[in-house]
Amino acid sequence: MLKSKKTKNKMKTLHIKFVAATLLVLLTGVKSYSQITKAEIMATGLTCSMCSNAINKQLKSLTQVDSIGTDLNTNTFTVYFKKNNTLQPKVLKNAVEKAGFFVGSMVLTAKFDTPKIEDNATVKIDDVTYTFIDTKNAVADTEAKFRVLDKGFVTQKEYKKLIKSYSKYPGYATENENDYYLKAL
């Protein structure tokens, strides 16, 4: 009888270790995923409809783009993406700059596959890191709007103010092109 209790305890310990090891493998093997479905880009420096045509042409040349809506009154380009794209915000910024203009504001509609979106949390997807700032309204695993706050994605004047406001985020002012700081809207 005593021997069977020892055997049961060993089996129980072995079972717990197996479950813990399995969970560890599963958790480390999980890859974060994001799906950007739409981007609203407000461009600066436009003076006429030909300017917006140049930006439209550059954005449409991206293979991930499904369609584009343009509001000439606000110089805003709403870019809709194909499913399962892996587009980075810098690709959109580069397209606007290639047309000869600048991004004054960029708002992404995206779903981040993460258990929790909280202030100063980061999500790494491939070689890109997204850091969440002011996440009061963000809900994990749902599509939400996020404003990109990095240099080149806001006006110069606004960026100078943001550096002071977000000094508690040490990496904010480093300007790494594969790091993005997102504010939930």
C-alpha atoms as a PDB file:
ATOM      1  CA  MET A   1       0.000   0.000   0.000  1.00  0.00           C
ATOM      2  CA  LEU A   2       2.828   2.381   0.867  1.00  0.00           C
ATOM      3  CA  LYS A   3       4.555   1.639  -2.421  1.00  0.00           C
ATOM      4  CA  SER A   4       1.494   2.552  -4.471  1.00  0.00           C
ATOM      5  CA  LYS A   5       1.222   5.971  -2.723  1.00  0.00           C
ATOM      6  CA  LYS A   6       4.839   6.720  -3.635  1.00  0.00           C
ATOM      7  CA  THR A   7       4.176   5.645  -7.200  1.00  0.00           C
ATOM      8  CA  LYS A   8       1.060   7.843  -7.350  1.00  0.00           C
ATOM      9  CA  ASN A   9       2.982  10.848  -5.987  1.00  0.00           C
ATOM     10  CA  LYS A  10       5.762  10.313  -8.524  1.00  0.00           C
ATOM     11  CA  MET A  11       3.202  10.042 -11.319  1.00  0.00           C
ATOM     12  CA  LYS A  12       1.458  13.192 -10.101  1.00  0.00           C
ATOM     13  CA  THR A  13       4.769  15.087  -9.992  1.00  0.00           C
ATOM     14  CA  LEU A  14       5.689  13.772 -13.411  1.00  0.00           C
ATOM     15  CA  HIS A  15       2.289  14.839 -14.780  1.00  0.00           C
ATOM     16  CA  ILE A  16       2.654  18.365 -13.332  1.00  0.00           C
ATOM     17  CA  LYS A  17       6.154  18.699 -14.806  1.00  0.00           C
ATOM     18  CA  PHE A  18       4.887  17.523 -18.189  1.00  0.00           C
ATOM     19  CA  VAL A  19       2.018  20.037 -18.174  1.00  0.00           C
ATOM     20  CA  ALA A  20       4.379  22.855 -17.121  1.00  0.00           C
ATOM     21  CA  ALA A  21       6.884  21.967 -19.847  1.00  0.00           C
ATOM     22  CA  THR A  22       4.122  21.791 -22.462  1.00  0.00           C
ATOM     23  CA  LEU A  23       2.784  25.200 -21.447  1.00  0.00           C
ATOM     24  CA  LEU A  24       6.268  26.682 -21.577  1.00  0.00           C
ATOM     25  CA  VAL A  25       6.808  25.364 -25.107  1.00  0.00           C
ATOM     26  CA  LEU A  26       3.414  26.629 -26.247  1.00  0.00           C
ATOM     27  CA  LEU A  27       3.859  30.085 -24.744  1.00  0.00           C
ATOM     28  CA  THR A  28       7.335  30.624 -26.141  1.00  0.00           C
ATOM     29  CA  GLY A  29       6.254  29.337 -29.532  1.00  0.00           C
ATOM     30  CA  VAL A  30       3.350  31.770 -29.853  1.00  0.00           C
ATOM     31  CA  LYS A  31       4.069  34.462 -32.384  1.00  0.00           C
ATOM     32  CA  SER A  32       2.340  37.803 -32.051  1.00  0.00           C
ATOM     33  CA  TYR A  33       0.241  38.843 -34.963  1.00  0.00           C
ATOM     34  CA  SER A  34      -1.253  42.104 -36.080  1.00  0.00           C
ATOM     35  CA  GLN A  35      -3.512  42.885 -38.932  1.00  0.00           C
ATOM     36  CA  ILE A  36      -3.616  46.485 -40.088  1.00  0.00           C
ATOM     37  CA  THR A  37      -6.848  46.815 -42.030  1.00  0.00           C
ATOM     38  CA  LYS A  38      -6.881  50.552 -42.664  1.00  0.00           C
ATOM     39  CA  ALA A  39      -4.660  53.628 -42.364  1.00  0.00           C
ATOM     40  CA  GLU A  40      -5.793  57.234 -42.360  1.00  0.00           C
ATOM     41  CA  ILE A  41      -2.933  59.436 -43.507  1.00  0.00           C
ATOM     42  CA  MET A  42      -3.108  63.214 -43.359  1.00  0.00           C
ATOM     43  CA  ALA A  43      -0.450  64.570 -45.704  1.00  0.00           C
ATOM     44  CA  THR A  44       1.143  68.009 -45.451  1.00  0.00           C
ATOM     45  CA  GLY A  45       2.413  70.294 -48.178  1.00  0.00           C
ATOM     46  CA  LEU A  46      -0.343  69.647 -50.737  1.00  0.00           C
ATOM     47  CA  THR A  47      -1.452  72.625 -52.807  1.00  0.00           C
ATOM     48  CA  CYS A  48      -3.618  71.135 -55.573  1.00  0.00           C
ATOM     49  CA  SER A  49      -5.351  68.011 -56.842  1.00  0.00           C
ATOM     50  CA  MET A  50      -2.215  67.023 -58.771  1.00  0.00           C
ATOM     51  CA  CYS A  51      -0.428  66.731 -55.425  1.00  0.00           C
ATOM     52  CA  SER A  52      -3.040  64.294 -54.166  1.00  0.00           C
ATOM     53  CA  ASN A  53      -2.764  62.343 -57.438  1.00  0.00           C
ATOM     54  CA  ALA A  54       0.956  61.882 -56.840  1.00  0.00           C
ATOM     55  CA  ILE A  55       0.332  60.468 -53.356  1.00  0.00           C
ATOM     56  CA  ASN A  56      -2.534  58.288 -54.604  1.00  0.00           C
ATOM     57  CA  LYS A  57      -0.294  56.850 -57.312  1.00  0.00           C
ATOM     58  CA  GLN A  58       2.463  55.985 -54.815  1.00  0.00           C
ATOM     59  CA  LEU A  59       0.060  54.389 -52.338  1.00  0.00           C
ATOM     60  CA  LYS A  60      -1.739  52.382 -55.032  1.00  0.00           C
ATOM     61  CA  SER A  61       1.584  50.959 -56.189  1.00  0.00           C
ATOM     62  CA  LEU A  62       1.924  49.057 -52.883  1.00  0.00           C
ATOM     63  CA  THR A  63       0.905  45.416 -53.295  1.00  0.00           C
ATOM     64  CA  GLN A  64      -0.770  45.329 -49.860  1.00  0.00           C
ATOM     65  CA  VAL A  65      -3.216  48.135 -50.778  1.00  0.00           C
ATOM     66  CA  ASP A  66      -6.751  47.168 -51.750  1.00  0.00           C
ATOM     67  CA  SER A  67      -8.256  50.645 -52.275  1.00  0.00           C
ATOM     68  CA  ILE A  68      -7.828  54.311 -51.354  1.00  0.00           C
ATOM     69  CA  GLY A  69     -10.320  57.010 -50.437  1.00  0.00           C
ATOM     70  CA  THR A  70      -9.249  60.657 -50.677  1.00  0.00           C
ATOM     71  CA  ASP A  71     -10.634  63.730 -48.910  1.00  0.00           C
ATOM     72  CA  LEU A  72      -9.180  66.806 -50.650  1.00  0.00           C
ATOM     73  CA  ASN A  73     -10.610  69.165 -48.001  1.00  0.00           C
ATOM     74  CA  THR A  74      -8.500  67.653 -45.225  1.00  0.00           C
ATOM     75  CA  ASN A  75      -5.716  66.123 -47.380  1.00  0.00           C
ATOM     76  CA  THR A  76      -6.545  62.746 -45.845  1.00  0.00           C
ATOM     77  CA  PHE A  77      -5.961  59.452 -47.609  1.00  0.00           C
ATOM     78  CA  THR A  78      -7.820  56.440 -46.237  1.00  0.00           C
ATOM     79  CA  VAL A  79      -5.934  53.349 -47.308  1.00  0.00           C
ATOM     80  CA  TYR A  80      -7.668  49.957 -47.111  1.00  0.00           C
ATOM     81  CA  PHE A  81      -5.473  46.877 -47.099  1.00  0.00           C
ATOM     82  CA  LYS A  82      -5.787  43.363 -48.400  1.00  0.00           C
ATOM     83  CA  LYS A  83      -6.272  40.613 -45.836  1.00  0.00           C
ATOM     84  CA  ASN A  84      -3.239  39.050 -44.155  1.00  0.00           C
ATOM     85  CA  ASN A  85      -0.861  41.858 -45.067  1.00  0.00           C
ATOM     86  CA  THR A  86       2.335  42.418 -43.108  1.00  0.00           C
ATOM     87  CA  LEU A  87       2.716  46.093 -43.878  1.00  0.00           C
ATOM     88  CA  GLN A  88       4.735  48.383 -41.621  1.00  0.00           C
ATOM     89  CA  PRO A  89       3.742  52.041 -41.142  1.00  0.00           C
ATOM     90  CA  LYS A  90       7.120  53.178 -42.526  1.00  0.00           C
ATOM     91  CA  VAL A  91       6.161  51.769 -45.946  1.00  0.00           C
ATOM     92  CA  LEU A  92       3.205  54.181 -46.099  1.00  0.00           C
ATOM     93  CA  LYS A  93       5.328  57.082 -44.854  1.00  0.00           C
ATOM     94  CA  ASN A  94       7.975  56.321 -47.487  1.00  0.00           C
ATOM     95  CA  ALA A  95       5.324  56.258 -50.228  1.00  0.00           C
ATOM     96  CA  VAL A  96       4.020  59.705 -49.211  1.00  0.00           C
ATOM     97  CA  GLU A  97       7.574  61.065 -49.047  1.00  0.00           C
ATOM     98  CA  LYS A  98       8.435  59.526 -52.429  1.00  0.00           C
ATOM     99  CA  ALA A  99       5.557  61.581 -53.867  1.00  0.00           C
ATOM    100  CA  GLY A 100       7.261  64.689 -52.423  1.00  0.00           C
ATOM    101  CA  PHE A 101       5.154  65.292 -49.299  1.00  0.00           C
ATOM    102  CA  PHE A 102       5.121  64.556 -45.572  1.00  0.00           C
ATOM    103  CA  VAL A 103       2.875  62.721 -43.144  1.00  0.00           C
ATOM    104  CA  GLY A 104       1.189  65.065 -40.669  1.00  0.00           C
ATOM    105  CA  SER A 105      -0.800  62.324 -38.951  1.00  0.00           C
ATOM    106  CA  MET A 106      -1.288  58.578 -39.302  1.00  0.00           C
ATOM    107  CA  VAL A 107      -4.041  56.558 -37.645  1.00  0.00           C
ATOM    108  CA  LEU A 108      -3.990  52.786 -38.024  1.00  0.00           C
ATOM    109  CA  THR A 109      -6.994  50.551 -37.605  1.00  0.00           C
ATOM    110  CA  ALA A 110      -5.534  47.270 -36.426  1.00  0.00           C
ATOM    111  CA  LYS A 111      -6.054  44.194 -34.324  1.00  0.00           C
ATOM    112  CA  PHE A 112      -3.142  43.075 -32.175  1.00  0.00           C
ATOM    113  CA  ASP A 113      -3.311  39.461 -31.124  1.00  0.00           C
ATOM    114  CA  THR A 114      -2.152  39.966 -27.571  1.00  0.00           C
ATOM    115  CA  PRO A 115      -3.720  39.048 -24.224  1.00  0.00           C
ATOM    116  CA  LYS A 116      -3.600  42.604 -22.884  1.00  0.00           C
ATOM    117  CA  ILE A 117      -2.902  46.085 -24.212  1.00  0.00           C
ATOM    118  CA  GLU A 118      -1.644  48.274 -21.418  1.00  0.00           C
ATOM    119  CA  ASP A 119       0.477  51.370 -21.034  1.00  0.00           C
ATOM    120  CA  ASN A 120       4.122  50.837 -22.026  1.00  0.00           C
ATOM    121  CA  ALA A 121       3.417  47.261 -23.168  1.00  0.00           C
ATOM    122  CA  THR A 122       5.229  46.130 -26.290  1.00  0.00           C
ATOM    123  CA  VAL A 123       4.315  43.694 -29.024  1.00  0.00           C
ATOM    124  CA  LYS A 124       7.048  42.342 -31.284  1.00  0.00           C
ATOM    125  CA  ILE A 125       6.033  41.184 -34.744  1.00  0.00           C
ATOM    126  CA  ASP A 126       8.865  39.934 -36.916  1.00  0.00           C
ATOM    127  CA  ASP A 127      11.468  42.734 -36.676  1.00  0.00           C
ATOM    128  CA  VAL A 128       8.959  45.425 -35.648  1.00  0.00           C
ATOM    129  CA  THR A 129       8.167  46.518 -32.099  1.00  0.00           C
ATOM    130  CA  TYR A 130       4.957  48.348 -31.226  1.00  0.00           C
ATOM    131  CA  THR A 131       4.835  50.134 -27.859  1.00  0.00           C
ATOM    132  CA  PHE A 132       1.476  51.277 -26.543  1.00  0.00           C
ATOM    133  CA  ILE A 133       1.141  54.723 -24.940  1.00  0.00           C
ATOM    134  CA  ASP A 134      -1.964  56.115 -23.205  1.00  0.00           C
ATOM    135  CA  THR A 135      -3.937  52.927 -23.703  1.00  0.00           C
ATOM    136  CA  LYS A 136      -7.017  53.864 -21.657  1.00  0.00           C
ATOM    137  CA  ASN A 137      -9.416  52.921 -24.445  1.00  0.00           C
ATOM    138  CA  ALA A 138      -7.597  49.910 -25.901  1.00  0.00           C
ATOM    139  CA  VAL A 139      -9.096  46.436 -25.713  1.00  0.00           C
ATOM    140  CA  ALA A 140      -7.016  43.395 -26.590  1.00  0.00           C
ATOM    141  CA  ASP A 141      -8.028  41.104 -29.457  1.00  0.00           C
ATOM    142  CA  THR A 142     -10.411  43.648 -30.995  1.00  0.00           C
ATOM    143  CA  GLU A 143      -9.909  45.972 -33.923  1.00  0.00           C
ATOM    144  CA  ALA A 144      -9.117  49.479 -32.688  1.00  0.00           C
ATOM    145  CA  LYS A 145      -7.638  52.774 -33.865  1.00  0.00           C
ATOM    146  CA  PHE A 146      -4.084  53.688 -32.929  1.00  0.00           C
ATOM    147  CA  ARG A 147      -2.287  56.902 -33.756  1.00  0.00           C
ATOM    148  CA  VAL A 148       1.395  56.571 -34.661  1.00  0.00           C
ATOM    149  CA  LEU A 149       3.341  59.130 -32.578  1.00  0.00           C
ATOM    150  CA  ASP A 150       6.853  58.742 -33.958  1.00  0.00           C
ATOM    151  CA  LYS A 151       8.927  61.347 -35.763  1.00  0.00           C
ATOM    152  CA  GLY A 152       7.854  61.495 -39.379  1.00  0.00           C
ATOM    153  CA  PHE A 153       4.316  60.386 -38.509  1.00  0.00           C
ATOM    154  CA  VAL A 154       3.325  63.680 -36.843  1.00  0.00           C
ATOM    155  CA  THR A 155       4.297  67.269 -37.631  1.00  0.00           C
ATOM    156  CA  GLN A 156       7.689  68.534 -36.419  1.00  0.00           C
ATOM    157  CA  LYS A 157       5.997  70.977 -34.047  1.00  0.00           C
ATOM    158  CA  GLU A 158       3.854  68.246 -32.519  1.00  0.00           C
ATOM    159  CA  TYR A 159       6.813  65.876 -32.233  1.00  0.00           C
ATOM    160  CA  LYS A 160       8.728  68.428 -30.141  1.00  0.00           C
ATOM    161  CA  LYS A 161       5.771  68.601 -27.732  1.00  0.00           C
ATOM    162  CA  LEU A 162       5.424  64.815 -27.652  1.00  0.00           C
ATOM    163  CA  ILE A 163       9.088  64.332 -26.706  1.00  0.00           C
ATOM    164  CA  LYS A 164       8.410  66.324 -23.532  1.00  0.00           C
ATOM    165  CA  SER A 165       5.095  64.595 -22.837  1.00  0.00           C
ATOM    166  CA  TYR A 166       6.450  61.084 -23.322  1.00  0.00           C
ATOM    167  CA  SER A 167       9.834  61.454 -21.640  1.00  0.00           C
ATOM    168  CA  LYS A 168       8.817  58.625 -19.270  1.00  0.00           C
ATOM    169  CA  TYR A 169       9.119  56.240 -22.235  1.00  0.00           C
ATOM    170  CA  PRO A 170      12.914  55.996 -22.603  1.00  0.00           C
ATOM    171  CA  GLY A 171      12.907  54.665 -26.165  1.00  0.00           C
ATOM    172  CA  TYR A 172      10.460  57.222 -27.554  1.00  0.00           C
ATOM    173  CA  ALA A 173      13.023  59.737 -28.806  1.00  0.00           C
ATOM    174  CA  THR A 174      15.484  57.153 -30.173  1.00  0.00           C
ATOM    175  CA  GLU A 175      13.932  57.208 -33.673  1.00  0.00           C
ATOM    176  CA  ASN A 176      14.464  53.536 -34.480  1.00  0.00           C
ATOM    177  CA  GLU A 177      12.621  52.938 -37.759  1.00  0.00           C
ATOM    178  CA  ASN A 178      11.362  49.512 -36.650  1.00  0.00           C
ATOM    179  CA  ASP A 179       9.911  50.779 -33.349  1.00  0.00           C
ATOM    180  CA  TYR A 180       6.502  52.423 -33.316  1.00  0.00           C
ATOM    181  CA  TYR A 181       4.745  54.187 -30.452  1.00  0.00           C
ATOM    182  CA  LEU A 182       0.990  53.907 -30.682  1.00  0.00           C
ATOM    183  CA  LYS A 183      -1.691  55.833 -28.792  1.00  0.00           C
ATOM    184  CA  ALA A 184      -5.104  54.196 -28.568  1.00  0.00           C
ATOM    185  CA  LEU A 185      -7.912  56.442 -29.757  1.00  0.00           C
END
